[in-house]
Amino acid sequence: MKRELTAPAFCGIAAPIVMVSLWALASVLRPGYDQLTQKGSELGTGPNSIVMNANFVVTGLLILIFCFGLLKNIDAGKWSQIGLVFLAIAGVGEIATGIFPCDPGCPLTGSLSQLIHTGIVVVFFGSVGIFPLFTGIGLNLDKFWASYRSYSLVTGLASIGLFTAFSIAILTSFQYVGLLQRLFLAFPFQWIWIVAVLLRRRGRGAEG
């Protein structure tokens, strides 16, 4: 029965790897791009922007498949379900980000695509920042996942703190906004990878 976990687990494992790999490739293809001071979305417009936009779409799809598999295999009450709904929203937001790229430099306002992009990324960053906390609240109700409750709560709190710092950095034009963005995203995407590995382990245990 747990063979159904294989695809969602591998999608969750692949999502952070795909994101980092294609982000790195898009950066290499953009001479002068600064990882510390520029946002990821800036690679979604201009030369070779198809690489980063494809990254957004593919990563979002992988997150969605992983999320739906996880929803069926965590019996931890409404709070965890709410957390996974936020993860699904983040997946949809990631896909939409690739469809509506920002203007050069990614200002908060600009063309219609930029305005839509800004709205999408607010939802995406908010959702990806809070989902580990909500998911972790009820994990003690599920015997398999209970030992990972503390990790989820700590990841969620760290993500929220870094999301707040990242948001302030954008509003105040802080120079190293790119660095803060990457630190912020590292926590929830690490959660996705670790939990996906555990989901795969659960599937193997059931098959055995």
N, C-alpha and C. Protein backbone atom coordinates (compact mmCIF):
# COMPACT_ATOMS: atom_id res chain seq x y z
N MET A 1 0.83 -1.20 0.00
CA MET A 1 0.00 0.00 0.00
C MET A 1 0.86 1.25 0.00
N LYS A 2 1.99 1.19 0.67
CA LYS A 2 2.82 2.36 0.79
C LYS A 2 3.69 2.60 -0.43
N ARG A 3 3.54 1.79 -1.48
CA ARG A 3 4.24 2.08 -2.72
C ARG A 3 3.81 3.43 -3.27
N GLU A 4 2.61 3.86 -2.90
CA GLU A 4 2.09 5.15 -3.36
C GLU A 4 2.91 6.32 -2.79
N LEU A 5 3.75 6.05 -1.80
CA LEU A 5 4.58 7.11 -1.22
C LEU A 5 5.83 7.39 -2.05
N THR A 6 6.18 6.46 -2.93
CA THR A 6 7.44 6.59 -3.66
C THR A 6 7.52 7.88 -4.46
N ALA A 7 6.52 8.14 -5.30
CA ALA A 7 6.55 9.34 -6.16
C ALA A 7 6.55 10.62 -5.34
N PRO A 8 5.63 10.78 -4.36
CA PRO A 8 5.67 12.01 -3.55
C PRO A 8 6.99 12.19 -2.80
N ALA A 9 7.53 11.10 -2.27
CA ALA A 9 8.79 11.20 -1.53
C ALA A 9 9.93 11.65 -2.44
N PHE A 10 10.04 11.04 -3.62
CA PHE A 10 11.10 11.43 -4.54
C PHE A 10 10.91 12.86 -5.04
N CYS A 11 9.66 13.29 -5.20
CA CYS A 11 9.41 14.68 -5.61
C CYS A 11 9.87 15.65 -4.53
N GLY A 12 9.61 15.30 -3.26
CA GLY A 12 10.06 16.14 -2.17
C GLY A 12 11.57 16.19 -2.05
N ILE A 13 12.21 15.05 -2.28
CA ILE A 13 13.67 15.00 -2.25
C ILE A 13 14.25 15.83 -3.40
N ALA A 14 13.59 15.76 -4.56
CA ALA A 14 14.10 16.43 -5.75
C ALA A 14 13.89 17.94 -5.71
N ALA A 15 12.81 18.40 -5.07
CA ALA A 15 12.46 19.83 -5.14
C ALA A 15 13.60 20.77 -4.72
N PRO A 16 14.22 20.58 -3.54
CA PRO A 16 15.32 21.49 -3.18
C PRO A 16 16.53 21.35 -4.10
N ILE A 17 16.78 20.13 -4.57
CA ILE A 17 17.93 19.90 -5.44
C ILE A 17 17.73 20.61 -6.78
N VAL A 18 16.53 20.48 -7.33
CA VAL A 18 16.21 21.14 -8.59
C VAL A 18 16.29 22.65 -8.43
N MET A 19 15.73 23.15 -7.33
CA MET A 19 15.72 24.60 -7.11
C MET A 19 17.15 25.16 -7.06
N VAL A 20 17.99 24.53 -6.25
CA VAL A 20 19.36 25.02 -6.08
C VAL A 20 20.15 24.88 -7.38
N SER A 21 19.98 23.76 -8.07
CA SER A 21 20.76 23.50 -9.28
C SER A 21 20.40 24.47 -10.40
N LEU A 22 19.10 24.65 -10.65
CA LEU A 22 18.70 25.55 -11.73
C LEU A 22 18.94 27.02 -11.36
N TRP A 23 18.81 27.34 -10.08
CA TRP A 23 19.13 28.70 -9.63
C TRP A 23 20.62 28.99 -9.88
N ALA A 24 21.46 28.01 -9.56
CA ALA A 24 22.89 28.17 -9.79
C ALA A 24 23.20 28.30 -11.27
N LEU A 25 22.54 27.48 -12.10
CA LEU A 25 22.75 27.54 -13.54
C LEU A 25 22.32 28.90 -14.09
N ALA A 26 21.14 29.37 -13.66
CA ALA A 26 20.65 30.67 -14.12
C ALA A 26 21.61 31.78 -13.71
N SER A 27 22.22 31.65 -12.54
CA SER A 27 23.18 32.65 -12.06
C SER A 27 24.43 32.66 -12.92
N VAL A 28 24.92 31.47 -13.27
CA VAL A 28 26.12 31.37 -14.10
C VAL A 28 25.88 31.97 -15.49
N LEU A 29 24.65 31.81 -15.98
CA LEU A 29 24.31 32.32 -17.32
C LEU A 29 24.02 33.82 -17.32
N ARG A 30 24.08 34.44 -16.14
CA ARG A 30 23.81 35.88 -16.05
C ARG A 30 25.07 36.59 -15.54
N PRO A 31 25.94 37.03 -16.43
CA PRO A 31 27.18 37.71 -16.01
C PRO A 31 26.87 38.92 -15.12
N GLY A 32 27.62 39.04 -14.03
CA GLY A 32 27.45 40.17 -13.13
C GLY A 32 26.39 39.99 -12.08
N TYR A 33 25.67 38.86 -12.11
CA TYR A 33 24.63 38.62 -11.10
C TYR A 33 25.29 38.39 -9.74
N ASP A 34 24.78 39.07 -8.72
CA ASP A 34 25.35 39.01 -7.37
C ASP A 34 24.42 38.24 -6.44
N GLN A 35 24.87 37.09 -5.95
CA GLN A 35 24.06 36.25 -5.07
C GLN A 35 23.70 36.94 -3.76
N LEU A 36 24.55 37.86 -3.32
CA LEU A 36 24.35 38.49 -2.01
C LEU A 36 23.38 39.66 -2.06
N THR A 37 23.32 40.34 -3.18
CA THR A 37 22.53 41.58 -3.22
C THR A 37 21.31 41.51 -4.13
N GLN A 38 21.19 40.46 -4.94
CA GLN A 38 20.07 40.37 -5.88
C GLN A 38 19.15 39.21 -5.54
N LYS A 39 17.86 39.42 -5.77
CA LYS A 39 16.84 38.41 -5.48
C LYS A 39 16.80 37.36 -6.60
N GLY A 40 16.31 36.20 -6.25
CA GLY A 40 16.21 35.12 -7.23
C GLY A 40 15.32 35.45 -8.41
N SER A 41 14.23 36.16 -8.15
CA SER A 41 13.28 36.48 -9.21
C SER A 41 13.89 37.35 -10.30
N GLU A 42 14.98 38.04 -9.98
CA GLU A 42 15.62 38.88 -10.98
C GLU A 42 16.18 38.07 -12.14
N LEU A 43 16.38 36.77 -11.90
CA LEU A 43 16.85 35.89 -12.96
C LEU A 43 15.71 35.43 -13.86
N GLY A 44 14.48 35.76 -13.48
CA GLY A 44 13.31 35.37 -14.26
C GLY A 44 12.96 36.35 -15.36
N THR A 45 13.76 37.38 -15.53
CA THR A 45 13.56 38.34 -16.61
C THR A 45 14.91 38.65 -17.24
N GLY A 46 14.92 38.92 -18.53
CA GLY A 46 16.19 39.20 -19.20
C GLY A 46 16.78 37.98 -19.88
N PRO A 47 18.07 38.01 -20.22
CA PRO A 47 18.72 36.90 -20.93
C PRO A 47 18.63 35.57 -20.18
N ASN A 48 18.29 34.52 -20.91
CA ASN A 48 18.23 33.15 -20.37
C ASN A 48 17.24 33.02 -19.19
N SER A 49 16.25 33.90 -19.17
CA SER A 49 15.28 33.87 -18.06
C SER A 49 14.47 32.58 -18.03
N ILE A 50 14.43 31.86 -19.15
CA ILE A 50 13.65 30.63 -19.21
C ILE A 50 14.15 29.61 -18.18
N VAL A 51 15.44 29.68 -17.86
CA VAL A 51 16.00 28.71 -16.90
C VAL A 51 15.38 28.92 -15.52
N MET A 52 15.33 30.15 -15.05
CA MET A 52 14.79 30.42 -13.71
C MET A 52 13.28 30.24 -13.69
N ASN A 53 12.60 30.64 -14.76
CA ASN A 53 11.15 30.47 -14.78
C ASN A 53 10.76 29.00 -14.84
N ALA A 54 11.56 28.22 -15.57
CA ALA A 54 11.33 26.77 -15.56
C ALA A 54 11.59 26.20 -14.17
N ASN A 55 12.59 26.75 -13.50
CA ASN A 55 12.90 26.34 -12.13
C ASN A 55 11.68 26.54 -11.23
N PHE A 56 11.07 27.72 -11.30
CA PHE A 56 9.90 28.01 -10.48
C PHE A 56 8.78 27.01 -10.75
N VAL A 57 8.49 26.77 -12.02
CA VAL A 57 7.37 25.90 -12.38
C VAL A 57 7.63 24.46 -11.96
N VAL A 58 8.80 23.94 -12.28
CA VAL A 58 9.12 22.54 -11.96
C VAL A 58 9.18 22.33 -10.45
N THR A 59 9.85 23.24 -9.74
CA THR A 59 9.95 23.11 -8.28
C THR A 59 8.57 23.16 -7.65
N GLY A 60 7.72 24.07 -8.13
CA GLY A 60 6.36 24.16 -7.59
C GLY A 60 5.57 22.88 -7.80
N LEU A 61 5.68 22.28 -8.97
CA LEU A 61 4.98 21.02 -9.24
C LEU A 61 5.49 19.90 -8.34
N LEU A 62 6.79 19.84 -8.15
CA LEU A 62 7.37 18.82 -7.26
C LEU A 62 6.87 18.99 -5.83
N ILE A 63 6.79 20.24 -5.37
CA ILE A 63 6.29 20.51 -4.02
C ILE A 63 4.83 20.07 -3.89
N LEU A 64 4.02 20.34 -4.90
CA LEU A 64 2.61 19.96 -4.85
C LEU A 64 2.43 18.45 -4.76
N ILE A 65 3.15 17.72 -5.58
CA ILE A 65 3.05 16.25 -5.55
C ILE A 65 3.49 15.72 -4.19
N PHE A 66 4.59 16.24 -3.68
CA PHE A 66 5.07 15.84 -2.36
C PHE A 66 4.03 16.16 -1.28
N CYS A 67 3.45 17.35 -1.35
CA CYS A 67 2.50 17.79 -0.35
C CYS A 67 1.26 16.89 -0.31
N PHE A 68 0.72 16.54 -1.48
CA PHE A 68 -0.48 15.70 -1.52
C PHE A 68 -0.19 14.31 -0.97
N GLY A 69 1.02 13.80 -1.24
CA GLY A 69 1.39 12.51 -0.67
C GLY A 69 1.52 12.57 0.83
N LEU A 70 2.06 13.67 1.32
CA LEU A 70 2.25 13.84 2.76
C LEU A 70 0.91 14.01 3.47
N LEU A 71 -0.02 14.71 2.84
CA LEU A 71 -1.35 14.92 3.44
C LEU A 71 -2.04 13.59 3.75
N LYS A 72 -1.80 12.60 2.92
CA LYS A 72 -2.44 11.30 3.10
C LYS A 72 -1.74 10.45 4.14
N ASN A 73 -0.56 10.89 4.59
CA ASN A 73 0.25 10.03 5.45
C ASN A 73 0.71 10.71 6.73
N ILE A 74 0.04 11.79 7.12
CA ILE A 74 0.25 12.39 8.43
C ILE A 74 -1.11 12.49 9.10
N ASP A 75 -1.27 11.75 10.16
CA ASP A 75 -2.53 11.76 10.91
C ASP A 75 -2.29 12.55 12.20
N ALA A 76 -2.23 13.86 12.07
CA ALA A 76 -1.83 14.70 13.20
C ALA A 76 -2.80 15.85 13.47
N GLY A 77 -4.03 15.70 13.03
CA GLY A 77 -5.03 16.70 13.37
C GLY A 77 -5.05 17.90 12.45
N LYS A 78 -5.93 18.85 12.80
CA LYS A 78 -6.20 19.97 11.90
C LYS A 78 -5.02 20.92 11.73
N TRP A 79 -4.21 21.13 12.79
CA TRP A 79 -3.12 22.08 12.67
C TRP A 79 -2.10 21.64 11.62
N SER A 80 -1.78 20.34 11.63
CA SER A 80 -0.85 19.83 10.63
C SER A 80 -1.45 19.91 9.24
N GLN A 81 -2.74 19.66 9.13
CA GLN A 81 -3.40 19.78 7.83
C GLN A 81 -3.36 21.21 7.33
N ILE A 82 -3.56 22.17 8.23
CA ILE A 82 -3.47 23.58 7.85
C ILE A 82 -2.07 23.91 7.36
N GLY A 83 -1.07 23.38 8.07
CA GLY A 83 0.31 23.61 7.66
C GLY A 83 0.58 23.09 6.27
N LEU A 84 0.06 21.90 5.95
CA LEU A 84 0.29 21.32 4.63
C LEU A 84 -0.51 22.04 3.55
N VAL A 85 -1.65 22.62 3.92
CA VAL A 85 -2.39 23.45 2.97
C VAL A 85 -1.54 24.67 2.60
N PHE A 86 -0.88 25.25 3.61
CA PHE A 86 0.02 26.37 3.32
C PHE A 86 1.17 25.94 2.41
N LEU A 87 1.66 24.71 2.60
CA LEU A 87 2.71 24.20 1.72
C LEU A 87 2.20 24.07 0.29
N ALA A 88 0.97 23.60 0.14
CA ALA A 88 0.37 23.49 -1.19
C ALA A 88 0.21 24.86 -1.83
N ILE A 89 -0.19 25.85 -1.03
CA ILE A 89 -0.31 27.22 -1.54
C ILE A 89 1.05 27.72 -2.01
N ALA A 90 2.09 27.39 -1.24
CA ALA A 90 3.44 27.78 -1.64
C ALA A 90 3.83 27.14 -2.96
N GLY A 91 3.44 25.87 -3.15
CA GLY A 91 3.74 25.19 -4.41
C GLY A 91 3.06 25.87 -5.60
N VAL A 92 1.79 26.21 -5.41
CA VAL A 92 1.06 26.92 -6.47
C VAL A 92 1.69 28.28 -6.73
N GLY A 93 2.08 28.97 -5.65
CA GLY A 93 2.73 30.27 -5.79
C GLY A 93 4.04 30.18 -6.54
N GLU A 94 4.79 29.11 -6.29
CA GLU A 94 6.06 28.91 -6.98
C GLU A 94 5.83 28.76 -8.49
N ILE A 95 4.82 27.98 -8.84
CA ILE A 95 4.49 27.81 -10.26
C ILE A 95 4.09 29.14 -10.89
N ALA A 96 3.22 29.87 -10.20
CA ALA A 96 2.72 31.15 -10.73
C ALA A 96 3.83 32.18 -10.88
N THR A 97 4.84 32.10 -10.01
CA THR A 97 5.98 33.02 -10.11
C THR A 97 6.69 32.89 -11.45
N GLY A 98 6.77 31.66 -11.95
CA GLY A 98 7.41 31.44 -13.23
C GLY A 98 6.57 31.88 -14.41
N ILE A 99 5.26 31.99 -14.20
CA ILE A 99 4.36 32.40 -15.27
C ILE A 99 4.27 33.92 -15.36
N PHE A 100 4.42 34.59 -14.22
CA PHE A 100 4.34 36.05 -14.17
C PHE A 100 5.67 36.60 -13.65
N PRO A 101 6.67 36.74 -14.52
CA PRO A 101 7.99 37.23 -14.08
C PRO A 101 7.94 38.70 -13.70
N CYS A 102 8.91 39.11 -12.92
CA CYS A 102 8.98 40.51 -12.51
C CYS A 102 9.65 41.36 -13.58
N ASP A 103 9.57 42.66 -13.40
CA ASP A 103 10.30 43.58 -14.28
C ASP A 103 11.78 43.54 -13.92
N PRO A 104 12.66 44.06 -14.78
CA PRO A 104 14.09 44.12 -14.44
C PRO A 104 14.32 44.81 -13.10
N GLY A 105 15.09 44.15 -12.22
CA GLY A 105 15.34 44.68 -10.90
C GLY A 105 14.28 44.32 -9.87
N CYS A 106 13.16 43.77 -10.33
CA CYS A 106 12.05 43.35 -9.45
C CYS A 106 11.62 44.44 -8.47
N PRO A 107 11.16 45.60 -8.96
CA PRO A 107 10.61 46.61 -8.05
C PRO A 107 9.28 46.13 -7.50
N LEU A 108 8.77 46.79 -6.48
CA LEU A 108 7.49 46.37 -5.89
C LEU A 108 6.33 46.68 -6.81
N THR A 109 6.44 47.74 -7.61
CA THR A 109 5.39 48.10 -8.55
C THR A 109 5.98 48.26 -9.95
N GLY A 110 5.09 48.24 -10.97
CA GLY A 110 5.57 48.38 -12.33
C GLY A 110 4.52 47.91 -13.30
N SER A 111 4.89 47.02 -14.21
CA SER A 111 3.95 46.49 -15.19
C SER A 111 2.91 45.59 -14.52
N LEU A 112 1.91 45.18 -15.31
CA LEU A 112 0.89 44.28 -14.77
C LEU A 112 1.51 42.97 -14.29
N SER A 113 2.47 42.45 -15.08
CA SER A 113 3.15 41.22 -14.67
C SER A 113 3.89 41.41 -13.35
N GLN A 114 4.52 42.58 -13.19
CA GLN A 114 5.23 42.88 -11.94
C GLN A 114 4.27 42.94 -10.76
N LEU A 115 3.12 43.59 -10.94
CA LEU A 115 2.14 43.70 -9.85
C LEU A 115 1.62 42.33 -9.45
N ILE A 116 1.34 41.49 -10.45
CA ILE A 116 0.88 40.13 -10.16
C ILE A 116 2.00 39.35 -9.47
N HIS A 117 3.21 39.50 -9.98
CA HIS A 117 4.38 38.82 -9.40
C HIS A 117 4.55 39.20 -7.94
N THR A 118 4.43 40.48 -7.64
CA THR A 118 4.59 40.94 -6.26
C THR A 118 3.55 40.30 -5.35
N GLY A 119 2.30 40.27 -5.80
CA GLY A 119 1.25 39.65 -5.00
C GLY A 119 1.50 38.17 -4.78
N ILE A 120 1.97 37.49 -5.83
CA ILE A 120 2.24 36.05 -5.74
C ILE A 120 3.36 35.77 -4.75
N VAL A 121 4.45 36.53 -4.85
CA VAL A 121 5.59 36.23 -3.99
C VAL A 121 5.28 36.53 -2.52
N VAL A 122 4.42 37.51 -2.26
CA VAL A 122 4.01 37.77 -0.87
C VAL A 122 3.31 36.54 -0.30
N VAL A 123 2.40 35.97 -1.10
CA VAL A 123 1.68 34.77 -0.67
C VAL A 123 2.64 33.59 -0.54
N PHE A 124 3.54 33.45 -1.53
CA PHE A 124 4.49 32.33 -1.50
C PHE A 124 5.40 32.39 -0.29
N PHE A 125 6.03 33.54 -0.09
CA PHE A 125 6.98 33.65 1.02
C PHE A 125 6.27 33.48 2.37
N GLY A 126 5.08 34.07 2.48
CA GLY A 126 4.33 33.92 3.73
C GLY A 126 3.98 32.47 4.00
N SER A 127 3.50 31.77 2.96
CA SER A 127 3.08 30.37 3.12
C SER A 127 4.26 29.45 3.40
N VAL A 128 5.36 29.64 2.64
CA VAL A 128 6.51 28.76 2.83
C VAL A 128 7.20 29.04 4.16
N GLY A 129 6.99 30.25 4.70
CA GLY A 129 7.60 30.58 5.98
C GLY A 129 6.88 29.99 7.18
N ILE A 130 5.56 29.85 7.09
CA ILE A 130 4.79 29.42 8.27
C ILE A 130 4.37 27.96 8.25
N PHE A 131 4.46 27.28 7.09
CA PHE A 131 3.93 25.92 7.05
C PHE A 131 4.65 24.96 8.00
N PRO A 132 5.99 25.04 8.21
CA PRO A 132 6.60 24.08 9.13
C PRO A 132 6.08 24.22 10.56
N LEU A 133 5.80 25.45 10.99
CA LEU A 133 5.31 25.67 12.35
C LEU A 133 3.93 25.04 12.54
N PHE A 134 3.01 25.33 11.64
CA PHE A 134 1.66 24.77 11.75
C PHE A 134 1.68 23.25 11.63
N THR A 135 2.49 22.74 10.71
CA THR A 135 2.57 21.28 10.54
C THR A 135 3.11 20.62 11.80
N GLY A 136 4.08 21.26 12.42
CA GLY A 136 4.70 20.68 13.60
C GLY A 136 3.83 20.65 14.84
N ILE A 137 2.87 21.56 14.92
CA ILE A 137 2.06 21.67 16.14
C ILE A 137 1.39 20.35 16.51
N GLY A 138 0.87 19.64 15.51
CA GLY A 138 0.12 18.43 15.82
C GLY A 138 0.87 17.13 15.60
N LEU A 139 2.14 17.18 15.30
CA LEU A 139 2.86 15.95 14.95
C LEU A 139 2.95 14.95 16.10
N ASN A 140 2.79 15.43 17.32
CA ASN A 140 2.82 14.50 18.46
C ASN A 140 1.65 13.52 18.43
N LEU A 141 0.64 13.80 17.61
CA LEU A 141 -0.53 12.92 17.51
C LEU A 141 -0.29 11.74 16.59
N ASP A 142 0.77 11.79 15.80
CA ASP A 142 1.10 10.71 14.87
C ASP A 142 2.38 10.04 15.36
N LYS A 143 2.31 8.77 15.68
CA LYS A 143 3.43 8.07 16.29
C LYS A 143 4.68 8.13 15.42
N PHE A 144 4.53 7.97 14.11
CA PHE A 144 5.70 7.96 13.23
C PHE A 144 6.39 9.31 13.21
N TRP A 145 5.60 10.39 13.18
CA TRP A 145 6.15 11.73 13.00
C TRP A 145 6.41 12.48 14.31
N ALA A 146 5.99 11.91 15.43
CA ALA A 146 6.05 12.64 16.71
C ALA A 146 7.45 13.13 17.06
N SER A 147 8.47 12.34 16.75
CA SER A 147 9.83 12.72 17.14
C SER A 147 10.37 13.88 16.31
N TYR A 148 9.67 14.24 15.26
CA TYR A 148 10.11 15.36 14.40
C TYR A 148 9.31 16.63 14.67
N ARG A 149 8.52 16.61 15.73
CA ARG A 149 7.71 17.79 16.08
C ARG A 149 8.59 18.97 16.44
N SER A 150 9.57 18.76 17.31
CA SER A 150 10.43 19.86 17.74
C SER A 150 11.20 20.45 16.58
N TYR A 151 11.70 19.58 15.70
CA TYR A 151 12.42 20.07 14.53
C TYR A 151 11.53 20.97 13.67
N SER A 152 10.29 20.54 13.47
CA SER A 152 9.36 21.32 12.66
C SER A 152 9.06 22.66 13.30
N LEU A 153 8.86 22.67 14.61
CA LEU A 153 8.55 23.92 15.31
C LEU A 153 9.72 24.89 15.25
N VAL A 154 10.93 24.38 15.47
CA VAL A 154 12.12 25.23 15.42
C VAL A 154 12.33 25.77 14.01
N THR A 155 12.14 24.90 13.01
CA THR A 155 12.27 25.34 11.62
C THR A 155 11.26 26.42 11.30
N GLY A 156 10.02 26.23 11.77
CA GLY A 156 8.98 27.21 11.52
C GLY A 156 9.29 28.56 12.16
N LEU A 157 9.74 28.54 13.40
CA LEU A 157 10.07 29.79 14.08
C LEU A 157 11.24 30.50 13.41
N ALA A 158 12.26 29.72 13.00
CA ALA A 158 13.40 30.31 12.31
C ALA A 158 12.98 30.89 10.96
N SER A 159 12.11 30.19 10.27
CA SER A 159 11.63 30.66 8.96
C SER A 159 10.85 31.95 9.10
N ILE A 160 10.00 32.02 10.11
CA ILE A 160 9.20 33.23 10.33
C ILE A 160 10.11 34.41 10.67
N GLY A 161 11.11 34.15 11.51
CA GLY A 161 12.05 35.22 11.87
C GLY A 161 12.82 35.73 10.67
N LEU A 162 13.30 34.81 9.83
CA LEU A 162 14.06 35.21 8.65
C LEU A 162 13.16 35.84 7.59
N PHE A 163 11.91 35.37 7.51
CA PHE A 163 10.96 36.00 6.60
C PHE A 163 10.71 37.45 7.00
N THR A 164 10.60 37.69 8.29
CA THR A 164 10.42 39.06 8.79
C THR A 164 11.62 39.92 8.44
N ALA A 165 12.81 39.37 8.66
CA ALA A 165 14.04 40.12 8.33
C ALA A 165 14.14 40.38 6.83
N PHE A 166 13.78 39.39 6.03
CA PHE A 166 13.81 39.53 4.58
C PHE A 166 12.82 40.60 4.11
N SER A 167 11.62 40.60 4.70
CA SER A 167 10.60 41.59 4.33
C SER A 167 11.07 43.00 4.66
N ILE A 168 11.66 43.15 5.84
CA ILE A 168 12.18 44.47 6.24
C ILE A 168 13.29 44.90 5.29
N ALA A 169 14.12 43.94 4.89
CA ALA A 169 15.23 44.24 3.99
C ALA A 169 14.72 44.78 2.65
N ILE A 170 13.64 44.19 2.15
CA ILE A 170 13.06 44.65 0.88
C ILE A 170 12.51 46.06 1.04
N LEU A 171 11.76 46.29 2.10
CA LEU A 171 11.11 47.59 2.30
C LEU A 171 12.11 48.71 2.58
N THR A 172 13.26 48.35 3.15
CA THR A 172 14.26 49.37 3.49
C THR A 172 15.42 49.40 2.50
N SER A 173 15.30 48.61 1.41
CA SER A 173 16.35 48.54 0.39
C SER A 173 17.70 48.15 0.98
N PHE A 174 17.68 47.20 1.90
CA PHE A 174 18.91 46.68 2.50
C PHE A 174 19.78 46.04 1.42
N GLN A 175 21.06 46.31 1.46
CA GLN A 175 21.95 45.89 0.38
C GLN A 175 22.00 44.37 0.19
N TYR A 176 22.04 43.63 1.29
CA TYR A 176 22.24 42.18 1.18
C TYR A 176 20.92 41.42 1.26
N VAL A 177 19.94 41.90 0.51
CA VAL A 177 18.63 41.27 0.49
C VAL A 177 18.71 39.87 -0.11
N GLY A 178 19.62 39.67 -1.07
CA GLY A 178 19.79 38.35 -1.67
C GLY A 178 20.26 37.31 -0.67
N LEU A 179 21.17 37.69 0.18
CA LEU A 179 21.66 36.78 1.21
C LEU A 179 20.54 36.40 2.17
N LEU A 180 19.76 37.38 2.60
CA LEU A 180 18.65 37.09 3.52
C LEU A 180 17.61 36.18 2.87
N GLN A 181 17.36 36.41 1.59
CA GLN A 181 16.40 35.55 0.88
C GLN A 181 16.86 34.09 0.89
N ARG A 182 18.12 33.88 0.63
CA ARG A 182 18.64 32.53 0.56
C ARG A 182 18.67 31.87 1.94
N LEU A 183 19.03 32.62 2.96
CA LEU A 183 19.00 32.07 4.33
C LEU A 183 17.58 31.70 4.73
N PHE A 184 16.64 32.56 4.38
CA PHE A 184 15.24 32.30 4.71
C PHE A 184 14.75 31.02 4.03
N LEU A 185 14.96 30.91 2.72
CA LEU A 185 14.45 29.76 1.98
C LEU A 185 15.14 28.45 2.37
N ALA A 186 16.37 28.54 2.90
CA ALA A 186 17.11 27.33 3.25
C ALA A 186 16.36 26.49 4.30
N PHE A 187 15.71 27.15 5.24
CA PHE A 187 15.05 26.41 6.33
C PHE A 187 13.84 25.60 5.86
N PRO A 188 12.85 26.21 5.20
CA PRO A 188 11.71 25.40 4.77
C PRO A 188 12.07 24.38 3.71
N PHE A 189 13.03 24.68 2.83
CA PHE A 189 13.38 23.70 1.81
C PHE A 189 14.19 22.55 2.40
N GLN A 190 14.95 22.82 3.45
CA GLN A 190 15.61 21.72 4.15
C GLN A 190 14.58 20.82 4.81
N TRP A 191 13.53 21.44 5.38
CA TRP A 191 12.43 20.67 5.98
C TRP A 191 11.80 19.75 4.94
N ILE A 192 11.54 20.28 3.75
CA ILE A 192 10.93 19.48 2.69
C ILE A 192 11.81 18.28 2.37
N TRP A 193 13.11 18.50 2.25
CA TRP A 193 14.02 17.41 1.88
C TRP A 193 14.07 16.34 2.98
N ILE A 194 14.21 16.78 4.23
CA ILE A 194 14.31 15.83 5.34
C ILE A 194 13.02 15.02 5.48
N VAL A 195 11.89 15.68 5.45
CA VAL A 195 10.61 14.99 5.61
C VAL A 195 10.34 14.07 4.43
N ALA A 196 10.77 14.47 3.23
CA ALA A 196 10.62 13.59 2.07
C ALA A 196 11.43 12.31 2.23
N VAL A 197 12.64 12.43 2.77
CA VAL A 197 13.47 11.25 3.04
C VAL A 197 12.76 10.34 4.04
N LEU A 198 12.17 10.94 5.06
CA LEU A 198 11.44 10.16 6.07
C LEU A 198 10.19 9.51 5.48
N LEU A 199 9.53 10.22 4.58
CA LEU A 199 8.34 9.67 3.92
C LEU A 199 8.73 8.45 3.10
N ARG A 200 9.84 8.52 2.42
CA ARG A 200 10.33 7.39 1.65
C ARG A 200 10.68 6.24 2.58
N ARG A 201 11.28 6.54 3.72
CA ARG A 201 11.61 5.50 4.70
C ARG A 201 10.35 4.83 5.23
N ARG A 202 9.30 5.62 5.44
CA ARG A 202 8.03 5.07 5.91
C ARG A 202 7.46 4.12 4.87
N GLY A 203 7.58 4.50 3.60
CA GLY A 203 7.09 3.63 2.53
C GLY A 203 7.86 2.33 2.48
N ARG A 204 9.16 2.39 2.65
CA ARG A 204 9.98 1.18 2.62
C ARG A 204 9.64 0.28 3.80
N GLY A 205 9.39 0.90 4.97
CA GLY A 205 9.04 0.11 6.15
C GLY A 205 7.74 -0.63 5.96
N ALA A 206 6.78 0.03 5.32
CA ALA A 206 5.48 -0.60 5.10
C ALA A 206 5.57 -1.71 4.07
N GLU A 207 6.45 -1.51 3.07
CA GLU A 207 6.61 -2.53 2.05
C GLU A 207 7.26 -3.79 2.62
N GLY A 208 8.14 -3.53 3.65
CA GLY A 208 8.83 -4.67 4.25
C GLY A 208 7.92 -5.47 5.14
